[in-house]
C-alpha atoms as a PDB file:
ATOM      1  CA  MET A   1       0.103   0.041   0.335  1.00  0.00           C
ATOM      2  CA  SER A   2       2.947   2.688   1.160  1.00  0.00           C
ATOM      3  CA  ASP A   3       5.164   1.546  -2.119  1.00  0.00           C
ATOM      4  CA  SER A   4       1.869   2.246  -4.319  1.00  0.00           C
ATOM      5  CA  GLY A   5       1.242   5.725  -2.722  1.00  0.00           C
ATOM      6  CA  GLU A   6       4.818   6.102  -3.360  1.00  0.00           C
ATOM      7  CA  SER A   7       4.646   5.315  -7.077  1.00  0.00           C
ATOM      8  CA  ASN A   8       1.376   7.713  -7.416  1.00  0.00           C
ATOM      9  CA  VAL A   9       3.774  10.691  -6.039  1.00  0.00           C
ATOM     10  CA  THR A  10       6.273   9.556  -8.479  1.00  0.00           C
ATOM     11  CA  LYS A  11       3.872   9.872 -11.644  1.00  0.00           C
ATOM     12  CA  TYR A  12       2.052  12.522 -10.969  1.00  0.00           C
ATOM     13  CA  GLU A  13       3.418  14.751  -8.726  1.00  0.00           C
ATOM     14  CA  THR A  14       7.214  14.861  -7.216  1.00  0.00           C
ATOM     15  CA  ILE A  15       8.234  16.052  -3.640  1.00  0.00           C
ATOM     16  CA  ASP A  16       9.857  19.029  -5.416  1.00  0.00           C
ATOM     17  CA  GLU A  17       6.559  20.047  -6.973  1.00  0.00           C
ATOM     18  CA  ARG A  18       4.496  19.326  -4.075  1.00  0.00           C
ATOM     19  CA  LEU A  19       6.672  21.648  -1.859  1.00  0.00           C
ATOM     20  CA  LEU A  20       6.759  24.105  -4.159  1.00  0.00           C
ATOM     21  CA  ASN A  21       2.851  24.075  -4.362  1.00  0.00           C
ATOM     22  CA  ARG A  22       2.450  24.283  -0.665  1.00  0.00           C
ATOM     23  CA  VAL A  23       4.722  27.394  -0.142  1.00  0.00           C
ATOM     24  CA  ILE A  24       2.631  28.976  -3.337  1.00  0.00           C
ATOM     25  CA  PHE A  25      -0.589  27.951  -1.690  1.00  0.00           C
ATOM     26  CA  PHE A  26       0.476  29.278   1.757  1.00  0.00           C
ATOM     27  CA  THR A  27       1.433  32.377   0.361  1.00  0.00           C
ATOM     28  CA  ASP A  28      -1.954  32.808  -1.367  1.00  0.00           C
ATOM     29  CA  ALA A  29      -3.672  32.237   1.527  1.00  0.00           C
ATOM     30  CA  VAL A  30      -1.724  34.680   3.744  1.00  0.00           C
ATOM     31  CA  PHE A  31      -2.619  37.290   1.005  1.00  0.00           C
ATOM     32  CA  ALA A  32      -5.916  36.693   1.267  1.00  0.00           C
ATOM     33  CA  ILE A  33      -6.503  36.740   4.935  1.00  0.00           C
ATOM     34  CA  VAL A  34      -4.803  39.988   5.041  1.00  0.00           C
ATOM     35  CA  LEU A  35      -6.861  41.254   2.169  1.00  0.00           C
ATOM     36  CA  THR A  36     -10.334  40.424   4.101  1.00  0.00           C
ATOM     37  CA  LEU A  37      -8.805  41.481   8.087  1.00  0.00           C
ATOM     38  CA  MET A  38      -8.681  44.848   6.408  1.00  0.00           C
ATOM     39  CA  VAL A  39     -12.524  44.935   6.439  1.00  0.00           C
ATOM     40  CA  LEU A  40     -13.239  43.977   9.941  1.00  0.00           C
ATOM     41  CA  ASP A  41     -11.655  47.516  10.527  1.00  0.00           C
ATOM     42  CA  LEU A  42     -15.178  48.595   8.777  1.00  0.00           C
ATOM     43  CA  ARG A  43     -17.846  49.094  11.042  1.00  0.00           C
ATOM     44  CA  PRO A  44     -21.529  50.139  10.128  1.00  0.00           C
ATOM     45  CA  PRO A  45     -21.955  53.656  12.029  1.00  0.00           C
ATOM     46  CA  PRO A  46     -24.954  54.361  13.807  1.00  0.00           C
ATOM     47  CA  PHE A  47     -27.830  56.299  12.451  1.00  0.00           C
ATOM     48  CA  ASN A  48     -30.583  57.986  13.628  1.00  0.00           C
ATOM     49  CA  SER A  49     -32.839  58.293  10.456  1.00  0.00           C
ATOM     50  CA  PRO A  50     -33.153  56.025   6.628  1.00  0.00           C
ATOM     51  CA  LEU A  51     -30.676  58.563   5.624  1.00  0.00           C
ATOM     52  CA  GLY A  52     -28.112  57.774   7.316  1.00  0.00           C
ATOM     53  CA  ASN A  53     -26.027  60.364  10.000  1.00  0.00           C
ATOM     54  CA  ARG A  54     -23.987  62.362   7.703  1.00  0.00           C
ATOM     55  CA  ALA A  55     -21.259  63.087  10.063  1.00  0.00           C
ATOM     56  CA  GLN A  56     -20.657  59.815  10.687  1.00  0.00           C
ATOM     57  CA  MET A  57     -20.467  58.314   7.228  1.00  0.00           C
ATOM     58  CA  LEU A  58     -17.953  61.198   6.527  1.00  0.00           C
ATOM     59  CA  SER A  59     -15.961  59.695   9.660  1.00  0.00           C
ATOM     60  CA  MET A  60     -15.393  56.163   7.854  1.00  0.00           C
ATOM     61  CA  ALA A  61     -13.974  58.441   5.278  1.00  0.00           C
ATOM     62  CA  GLY A  62     -10.323  57.896   6.279  1.00  0.00           C
ATOM     63  CA  HIS A  63     -10.497  54.524   7.456  1.00  0.00           C
ATOM     64  CA  PHE A  64     -11.905  53.681   3.331  1.00  0.00           C
ATOM     65  CA  PHE A  65      -9.289  55.610   1.771  1.00  0.00           C
ATOM     66  CA  ALA A  66      -6.351  53.930   4.032  1.00  0.00           C
ATOM     67  CA  MET A  67      -8.168  50.420   3.346  1.00  0.00           C
ATOM     68  CA  ALA A  68      -8.039  51.245  -0.269  1.00  0.00           C
ATOM     69  CA  MET A  69      -4.555  52.271  -0.609  1.00  0.00           C
ATOM     70  CA  SER A  70      -3.598  49.456   1.666  1.00  0.00           C
ATOM     71  CA  PHE A  71      -5.764  46.954  -0.793  1.00  0.00           C
ATOM     72  CA  TRP A  72      -3.886  48.757  -4.060  1.00  0.00           C
ATOM     73  CA  VAL A  73      -0.498  48.128  -2.521  1.00  0.00           C
ATOM     74  CA  ILE A  74      -0.827  44.590  -1.073  1.00  0.00           C
ATOM     75  CA  GLY A  75      -2.142  43.851  -4.393  1.00  0.00           C
ATOM     76  CA  VAL A  76       1.089  44.976  -6.055  1.00  0.00           C
ATOM     77  CA  PHE A  77       3.164  42.622  -3.820  1.00  0.00           C
ATOM     78  CA  TRP A  78       1.062  39.387  -4.318  1.00  0.00           C
ATOM     79  CA  ILE A  79       1.079  40.381  -8.442  1.00  0.00           C
ATOM     80  CA  ALA A  80       5.332  40.615  -7.640  1.00  0.00           C
ATOM     81  CA  HIS A  81       5.134  37.467  -5.794  1.00  0.00           C
ATOM     82  CA  LEU A  82       3.162  36.161  -8.659  1.00  0.00           C
ATOM     83  CA  ALA A  83       5.975  37.097 -10.858  1.00  0.00           C
ATOM     84  CA  THR A  84       8.594  35.888  -8.892  1.00  0.00           C
ATOM     85  CA  THR A  85       7.117  32.374  -8.227  1.00  0.00           C
ATOM     86  CA  ARG A  86       5.441  31.810 -11.487  1.00  0.00           C
ATOM     87  CA  ARG A  87       9.367  30.566 -13.127  1.00  0.00           C
ATOM     88  CA  LEU A  88      10.026  28.542 -10.276  1.00  0.00           C
ATOM     89  CA  ARG A  89      11.192  24.781 -11.202  1.00  0.00           C
ATOM     90  CA  HIS A  90      12.333  23.776  -7.896  1.00  0.00           C
ATOM     91  CA  PHE A  91      11.976  23.579  -4.224  1.00  0.00           C
ATOM     92  CA  ASP A  92      14.655  25.530  -2.279  1.00  0.00           C
ATOM     93  CA  TRP A  93      14.728  25.992   1.737  1.00  0.00           C
ATOM     94  CA  LEU A  94      16.686  29.242   1.769  1.00  0.00           C
ATOM     95  CA  THR A  95      13.455  30.650  -0.426  1.00  0.00           C
ATOM     96  CA  ALA A  96      10.987  29.052   1.571  1.00  0.00           C
ATOM     97  CA  VAL A  97      12.291  30.587   4.727  1.00  0.00           C
ATOM     98  CA  ALA A  98      12.794  33.956   2.562  1.00  0.00           C
ATOM     99  CA  ASN A  99       9.148  33.782   1.498  1.00  0.00           C
ATOM    100  CA  LEU A 100       8.341  32.796   5.221  1.00  0.00           C
ATOM    101  CA  ILE A 101      10.144  36.546   6.524  1.00  0.00           C
ATOM    102  CA  PHE A 102       8.122  38.067   3.589  1.00  0.00           C
ATOM    103  CA  MET A 103       4.939  36.959   5.250  1.00  0.00           C
ATOM    104  CA  PHE A 104       5.592  38.634   8.294  1.00  0.00           C
ATOM    105  CA  PRO A 105       5.578  41.559   7.289  1.00  0.00           C
ATOM    106  CA  ILE A 106       2.581  41.337   5.347  1.00  0.00           C
ATOM    107  CA  CYS A 107       0.390  40.124   8.059  1.00  0.00           C
ATOM    108  CA  LEU A 108       0.956  43.749  10.193  1.00  0.00           C
ATOM    109  CA  LEU A 109      -0.115  45.620   7.551  1.00  0.00           C
ATOM    110  CA  PRO A 110      -3.823  45.257   8.574  1.00  0.00           C
ATOM    111  CA  PHE A 111      -3.073  46.334  11.868  1.00  0.00           C
ATOM    112  CA  ALA A 112      -0.742  49.635  10.395  1.00  0.00           C
ATOM    113  CA  THR A 113      -4.135  50.248   8.150  1.00  0.00           C
ATOM    114  CA  ALA A 114      -6.740  50.465  11.276  1.00  0.00           C
ATOM    115  CA  TRP A 115      -4.083  52.790  13.410  1.00  0.00           C
ATOM    116  CA  TRP A 116      -3.678  55.230  10.241  1.00  0.00           C
ATOM    117  CA  GLY A 117      -7.077  55.305   9.144  1.00  0.00           C
ATOM    118  CA  GLN A 118      -8.255  56.474  12.640  1.00  0.00           C
ATOM    119  CA  ASP A 119      -6.218  59.865  11.249  1.00  0.00           C
ATOM    120  CA  LEU A 120      -4.819  60.385   8.207  1.00  0.00           C
ATOM    121  CA  SER A 121      -3.493  63.789   9.574  1.00  0.00           C
ATOM    122  CA  ALA A 122      -1.344  62.017  12.297  1.00  0.00           C
ATOM    123  CA  PRO A 123       2.314  61.883  11.368  1.00  0.00           C
ATOM    124  CA  PHE A 124       3.339  58.866  13.672  1.00  0.00           C
ATOM    125  CA  PRO A 125       0.682  56.287  12.792  1.00  0.00           C
ATOM    126  CA  TRP A 126       1.823  57.228   9.222  1.00  0.00           C
ATOM    127  CA  GLY A 127       5.366  57.434   9.562  1.00  0.00           C
ATOM    128  CA  MET A 128       4.793  53.752  11.246  1.00  0.00           C
ATOM    129  CA  TYR A 129       2.501  52.678   7.937  1.00  0.00           C
ATOM    130  CA  CYS A 130       5.754  53.848   5.977  1.00  0.00           C
ATOM    131  CA  ALA A 131       7.984  51.955   7.876  1.00  0.00           C
ATOM    132  CA  ILE A 132       6.161  48.784   7.513  1.00  0.00           C
ATOM    133  CA  MET A 133       5.650  49.388   3.702  1.00  0.00           C
ATOM    134  CA  MET A 134       9.299  49.391   3.471  1.00  0.00           C
ATOM    135  CA  VAL A 135      10.132  46.696   5.699  1.00  0.00           C
ATOM    136  CA  CYS A 136       7.461  44.666   3.193  1.00  0.00           C
ATOM    137  CA  SER A 137      10.050  45.669   0.103  1.00  0.00           C
ATOM    138  CA  ALA A 138      13.077  44.816   1.745  1.00  0.00           C
ATOM    139  CA  ALA A 139      11.747  41.380   2.504  1.00  0.00           C
ATOM    140  CA  ASN A 140      10.580  41.321  -1.184  1.00  0.00           C
ATOM    141  CA  LEU A 141      13.816  42.000  -2.188  1.00  0.00           C
ATOM    142  CA  GLY A 142      15.408  39.458  -0.338  1.00  0.00           C
ATOM    143  CA  LEU A 143      12.581  37.112  -1.712  1.00  0.00           C
ATOM    144  CA  VAL A 144      13.604  37.781  -5.008  1.00  0.00           C
ATOM    145  CA  ALA A 145      17.419  37.370  -4.610  1.00  0.00           C
ATOM    146  CA  ALA A 146      17.090  33.940  -3.058  1.00  0.00           C
ATOM    147  CA  VAL A 147      14.967  32.954  -5.894  1.00  0.00           C
ATOM    148  CA  THR A 148      17.348  34.317  -8.887  1.00  0.00           C
ATOM    149  CA  ARG A 149      20.496  33.605  -7.446  1.00  0.00           C
ATOM    150  CA  ASP A 150      22.957  31.002  -8.671  1.00  0.00           C
ATOM    151  CA  LYS A 151      22.023  32.655 -12.530  1.00  0.00           C
ATOM    152  CA  GLY A 152      18.318  31.567 -11.513  1.00  0.00           C
ATOM    153  CA  ARG A 153      18.970  28.062 -11.622  1.00  0.00           C
ATOM    154  CA  LEU A 154      15.849  27.872  -9.642  1.00  0.00           C
ATOM    155  CA  MET A 155      13.288  28.850 -12.677  1.00  0.00           C
ATOM    156  CA  GLY A 156      15.979  27.489 -15.341  1.00  0.00           C
ATOM    157  CA  GLY A 157      18.289  29.841 -15.825  1.00  0.00           C
ATOM    158  CA  ILE A 158      17.704  33.884 -16.253  1.00  0.00           C
ATOM    159  CA  THR A 159      20.039  36.518 -17.837  1.00  0.00           C
ATOM    160  CA  PRO A 160      22.012  39.360 -15.409  1.00  0.00           C
ATOM    161  CA  ARG A 161      20.078  42.203 -16.751  1.00  0.00           C
ATOM    162  CA  ASP A 162      16.387  39.894 -16.086  1.00  0.00           C
ATOM    163  CA  ARG A 163      17.726  39.569 -12.058  1.00  0.00           C
ATOM    164  CA  LEU A 164      18.662  42.981 -12.246  1.00  0.00           C
ATOM    165  CA  TYR A 165      15.114  44.489 -13.581  1.00  0.00           C
ATOM    166  CA  ARG A 166      13.496  42.196 -11.227  1.00  0.00           C
ATOM    167  CA  ILE A 167      15.661  43.352  -7.935  1.00  0.00           C
ATOM    168  CA  VAL A 168      14.972  47.438  -8.924  1.00  0.00           C
ATOM    169  CA  ARG A 169      11.192  46.168  -9.507  1.00  0.00           C
ATOM    170  CA  ALA A 170      10.772  44.544  -6.013  1.00  0.00           C
ATOM    171  CA  ALA A 171      12.691  47.832  -4.488  1.00  0.00           C
ATOM    172  CA  SER A 172      10.058  50.093  -5.947  1.00  0.00           C
ATOM    173  CA  PRO A 173       7.518  50.291  -3.611  1.00  0.00           C
ATOM    174  CA  GLY A 174      10.373  50.661  -0.679  1.00  0.00           C
ATOM    175  CA  VAL A 175      12.010  53.797  -2.650  1.00  0.00           C
ATOM    176  CA  ALA A 176       8.267  55.397  -3.064  1.00  0.00           C
ATOM    177  CA  PHE A 177       8.015  54.967   1.194  1.00  0.00           C
ATOM    178  CA  GLY A 178      11.243  55.857   1.674  1.00  0.00           C
ATOM    179  CA  VAL A 179      10.542  59.298  -0.038  1.00  0.00           C
ATOM    180  CA  SER A 180       7.742  59.570   2.224  1.00  0.00           C
ATOM    181  CA  LEU A 181       9.097  59.015   5.141  1.00  0.00           C
ATOM    182  CA  ALA A 182      11.965  62.008   4.282  1.00  0.00           C
ATOM    183  CA  LEU A 183       9.104  64.317   3.102  1.00  0.00           C
ATOM    184  CA  LEU A 184       7.386  63.468   6.732  1.00  0.00           C
ATOM    185  CA  GLY A 185      11.133  64.073   8.292  1.00  0.00           C
ATOM    186  CA  ALA A 186      10.737  67.395   6.771  1.00  0.00           C
ATOM    187  CA  HIS A 187       6.803  68.453   8.207  1.00  0.00           C
ATOM    188  CA  GLN A 188       5.769  68.036   4.764  1.00  0.00           C
ATOM    189  CA  LEU A 189       3.116  65.435   5.498  1.00  0.00           C
ATOM    190  CA  SER A 190       0.464  66.268   3.086  1.00  0.00           C
ATOM    191  CA  LEU A 191       3.389  65.346   0.117  1.00  0.00           C
ATOM    192  CA  SER A 192       4.537  62.656   2.083  1.00  0.00           C
ATOM    193  CA  GLN A 193       1.179  60.802   1.774  1.00  0.00           C
ATOM    194  CA  PHE A 194       1.041  61.137  -1.959  1.00  0.00           C
ATOM    195  CA  ALA A 195       4.725  59.436  -2.467  1.00  0.00           C
ATOM    196  CA  TRP A 196       3.207  55.856  -3.359  1.00  0.00           C
ATOM    197  CA  LEU A 197       2.138  57.238  -6.508  1.00  0.00           C
ATOM    198  CA  LEU A 198       6.035  56.786  -7.426  1.00  0.00           C
ATOM    199  CA  ILE A 199       5.590  53.342  -7.477  1.00  0.00           C
ATOM    200  CA  PRO A 200       3.784  53.028 -10.848  1.00  0.00           C
ATOM    201  CA  VAL A 201       5.914  55.532 -12.142  1.00  0.00           C
ATOM    202  CA  GLN A 202       8.727  53.187 -11.252  1.00  0.00           C
ATOM    203  CA  ILE A 203       7.841  50.301 -12.989  1.00  0.00           C
ATOM    204  CA  PHE A 204       6.585  52.146 -15.949  1.00  0.00           C
ATOM    205  CA  VAL A 205      10.679  53.396 -16.167  1.00  0.00           C
ATOM    206  CA  TYR A 206      11.793  49.806 -15.512  1.00  0.00           C
ATOM    207  CA  GLU A 207       9.795  48.262 -18.144  1.00  0.00           C
ATOM    208  CA  ARG A 208      10.887  50.764 -20.430  1.00  0.00           C
ATOM    209  CA  THR A 209      14.576  50.584 -19.860  1.00  0.00           C
ATOM    210  CA  LEU A 210      15.541  47.255 -17.901  1.00  0.00           C
ATOM    211  CA  LYS A 211      12.867  44.859 -18.653  1.00  0.00           C
ATOM    212  CA  PRO A 212      14.592  42.310 -21.115  1.00  0.00           C
ATOM    213  CA  LYS A 213      12.577  41.838 -24.666  1.00  0.00           C
ATOM    214  CA  ALA A 214      11.185  38.661 -24.915  1.00  0.00           C
END
């Protein structure tokens, strides 16, 4: 019975493939849970008429904005993870550990989003939010470096240009939120809260200048 089970694993899915799939499925589940947890901070406001309470509705604007922004940025990280792992052919323990490290700051984002959403004009929660985003970006950068090391042997081989493109793209959220922290330190809170728009700008520039041609 045991021999038959082993033969089925060999025939349909190798141990290497099974471990790799577990890492990817686990990561997708974490992202899904993190995105769902942010909704829990959105509680229906009290109202005393069928038309609701305008002041209470307006008080939720900060939470909605913070959630929408976090949803977008987390989506960027998820797509980046998808791009990093879609060509993986082999399981690797260093990559599994790097992926787990990446998940830790991602799990902190619902907390950071809820705190910042309470008062968008408060400098400290915004600074903490930016710092956590920078840690997420740094952890993602570490994951990309682990996956693409040794000339991309885990991916079937990549060129140095491709590796450079993947690394600088992974660093783009960290650069944007680093600019946010610098502006916050210069007491430019309003500008600081829009520095995240540098993420798509960087990605566009890297696509045009560094992405290897197919």
